[in-house]
N, C-alpha and C. Protein backbone atom coordinates (compact mmCIF):
# COMPACT_ATOMS: atom_id res chain seq x y z
N MET A 1 72.82 64.51 139.30
CA MET A 1 73.67 63.65 138.27
C MET A 1 73.19 63.77 136.90
N GLU A 2 71.94 64.28 136.98
CA GLU A 2 71.02 64.23 135.50
C GLU A 2 71.66 65.81 134.97
N ILE A 3 72.32 66.59 135.57
CA ILE A 3 72.76 67.90 135.16
C ILE A 3 74.20 67.62 134.48
N ILE A 4 74.85 66.57 134.75
CA ILE A 4 75.98 66.26 134.21
C ILE A 4 76.08 65.71 132.92
N PHE A 5 74.75 64.94 132.57
CA PHE A 5 74.45 64.81 131.18
C PHE A 5 74.18 65.85 130.06
N LEU A 6 73.32 66.72 130.88
CA LEU A 6 73.09 67.94 130.08
C LEU A 6 74.28 68.94 129.86
N LEU A 7 75.40 68.91 130.82
CA LEU A 7 76.53 69.60 130.51
C LEU A 7 77.39 69.15 129.56
N ILE A 8 77.33 67.76 129.82
CA ILE A 8 78.21 66.99 128.49
C ILE A 8 77.68 67.38 126.94
N ILE A 9 76.41 67.09 126.98
CA ILE A 9 75.54 67.32 125.58
C ILE A 9 76.01 68.68 125.18
N VAL A 10 75.78 69.86 126.14
CA VAL A 10 76.12 71.11 125.59
C VAL A 10 77.37 71.72 125.48
N SER A 11 78.36 70.95 126.30
CA SER A 11 79.74 71.12 125.88
C SER A 11 80.05 70.49 124.44
N LEU A 12 79.36 69.31 124.27
CA LEU A 12 79.79 68.73 122.96
C LEU A 12 79.40 69.49 121.77
N VAL A 13 78.05 70.14 121.82
CA VAL A 13 77.52 70.89 121.00
C VAL A 13 78.26 72.31 120.57
N PHE A 14 78.69 72.80 121.84
CA PHE A 14 79.63 73.82 121.47
C PHE A 14 80.95 73.80 121.21
N VAL A 15 81.77 72.39 121.34
CA VAL A 15 82.83 72.16 120.59
C VAL A 15 82.62 71.79 118.99
N ALA A 16 81.53 71.22 118.76
CA ALA A 16 81.24 71.03 117.44
C ALA A 16 81.12 72.38 116.46
N ILE A 17 80.37 73.24 117.27
CA ILE A 17 80.17 74.90 116.79
C ILE A 17 81.92 75.33 116.43
N LEU A 18 82.54 75.30 117.84
CA LEU A 18 83.71 75.99 117.29
C LEU A 18 84.53 75.29 116.30
N ALA A 19 84.42 73.93 116.17
CA ALA A 19 85.23 73.08 115.12
C ALA A 19 84.72 73.73 113.76
N GLY A 20 83.40 73.79 113.61
CA GLY A 20 82.83 74.25 112.53
C GLY A 20 83.50 75.63 111.81
N VAL A 21 83.37 76.60 112.85
CA VAL A 21 83.75 77.91 112.63
C VAL A 21 85.46 77.89 112.59
N LEU A 22 86.12 77.13 113.13
CA LEU A 22 87.53 77.10 112.69
C LEU A 22 87.69 76.40 111.13
N PHE A 23 87.04 75.27 110.81
CA PHE A 23 87.17 75.00 109.52
C PHE A 23 86.91 75.77 108.42
N TRP A 24 85.63 76.60 108.77
CA TRP A 24 85.20 77.29 107.67
C TRP A 24 86.33 78.74 107.65
N ALA A 25 86.74 78.96 108.71
CA ALA A 25 88.02 80.10 108.65
C ALA A 25 89.16 79.77 107.78
N VAL A 26 89.48 78.41 107.94
CA VAL A 26 90.74 77.74 107.21
C VAL A 26 90.13 77.57 105.82
N ARG A 27 89.14 77.15 105.46
CA ARG A 27 88.69 77.08 103.88
C ARG A 27 88.52 78.27 103.30
N SER A 28 88.11 79.29 103.98
CA SER A 28 87.87 80.57 103.14
C SER A 28 89.19 81.58 103.23
N GLY A 29 90.22 81.05 103.61
CA GLY A 29 91.55 81.71 103.60
C GLY A 29 92.03 82.58 104.70
N GLN A 30 91.48 82.85 105.89
CA GLN A 30 91.61 83.53 106.96
C GLN A 30 93.02 83.40 107.30
N PHE A 31 93.84 82.33 107.01
CA PHE A 31 95.23 82.05 107.68
C PHE A 31 96.06 81.73 106.63
N ASP A 32 95.89 82.38 105.42
CA ASP A 32 96.86 82.09 104.27
C ASP A 32 98.11 82.82 104.64
N ASP A 33 98.10 84.42 104.64
CA ASP A 33 99.09 85.06 104.83
C ASP A 33 99.11 85.80 106.30
N LEU A 34 99.94 85.19 107.32
CA LEU A 34 99.66 85.78 108.45
C LEU A 34 100.81 87.01 108.75
N GLU A 35 101.82 87.02 107.84
CA GLU A 35 102.75 87.87 107.96
C GLU A 35 102.78 89.02 107.01
N GLY A 36 101.95 88.91 106.05
CA GLY A 36 102.15 89.81 104.65
C GLY A 36 101.92 91.19 104.94
N HIS A 37 100.99 91.46 105.95
CA HIS A 37 100.47 92.90 106.28
C HIS A 37 101.82 93.60 107.43
N GLY A 38 102.43 92.47 108.16
CA GLY A 38 103.38 93.18 108.73
C GLY A 38 104.68 93.47 108.10
N HIS A 39 104.90 92.60 107.24
CA HIS A 39 105.96 92.89 106.34
C HIS A 39 105.74 94.17 105.45
N GLN A 40 104.46 94.24 104.92
CA GLN A 40 104.23 95.22 104.10
C GLN A 40 104.35 96.87 104.59
N ILE A 41 104.26 96.85 105.78
CA ILE A 41 104.43 98.15 106.57
C ILE A 41 105.76 98.70 106.43
N LEU A 42 106.92 97.81 106.41
CA LEU A 42 108.26 98.08 106.23
C LEU A 42 108.76 98.27 105.02
N MET A 43 107.88 97.88 103.84
CA MET A 43 108.46 98.15 102.51
C MET A 43 108.25 99.62 102.30
N ASP A 44 108.94 100.22 101.28
CA ASP A 44 108.92 101.59 101.04
C ASP A 44 108.01 101.56 99.57
N ASP A 45 107.50 102.66 99.66
CA ASP A 45 106.49 103.06 98.34
C ASP A 45 107.44 104.04 97.57
N ASP A 46 108.10 103.69 96.79
CA ASP A 46 108.87 104.53 96.05
C ASP A 46 108.09 105.22 94.58
N ASP A 47 106.95 104.86 94.39
CA ASP A 47 106.19 105.22 93.47
C ASP A 47 105.27 106.33 93.88
N VAL A 48 104.81 106.48 95.05
CA VAL A 48 104.16 107.65 95.65
C VAL A 48 105.09 108.70 96.18
N LYS A 49 104.68 109.83 95.49
CA LYS A 49 105.67 111.04 95.59
C LYS A 49 104.75 111.94 96.53
N THR A 50 105.69 112.71 97.49
CA THR A 50 105.10 113.58 98.37
C THR A 50 104.82 115.05 97.82
N LYS A 51 103.97 115.82 98.59
CA LYS A 51 103.90 117.01 98.13
C LYS A 51 105.04 117.94 97.72
N GLU A 52 105.97 117.76 98.62
CA GLU A 52 107.03 118.30 98.56
C GLU A 52 107.96 118.19 97.28
N GLU A 53 107.88 116.80 96.84
CA GLU A 53 108.55 116.59 95.57
C GLU A 53 107.79 116.83 94.17
N ASN A 54 106.37 117.30 94.34
CA ASN A 54 105.62 117.64 93.17
C ASN A 54 105.73 119.28 93.06
N THR A 55 106.07 120.01 94.04
CA THR A 55 106.15 121.38 93.82
C THR A 55 107.38 121.67 93.19
N PRO A 56 107.28 122.70 92.21
CA PRO A 56 108.47 123.16 91.60
C PRO A 56 109.23 124.12 92.33
């Protein structure tokens, strides 16, 4: 029965650490733009010229 109290305390500490990491990630902007990089791949770069266009 004593082990259950130890496991409860350890699990509460673990949950507190995970919550702290989650709040840190939200505050530091990790979840601000989730779809930006996915859409960036689909956009064309018209400014970048290939080697074929630069050769006379």
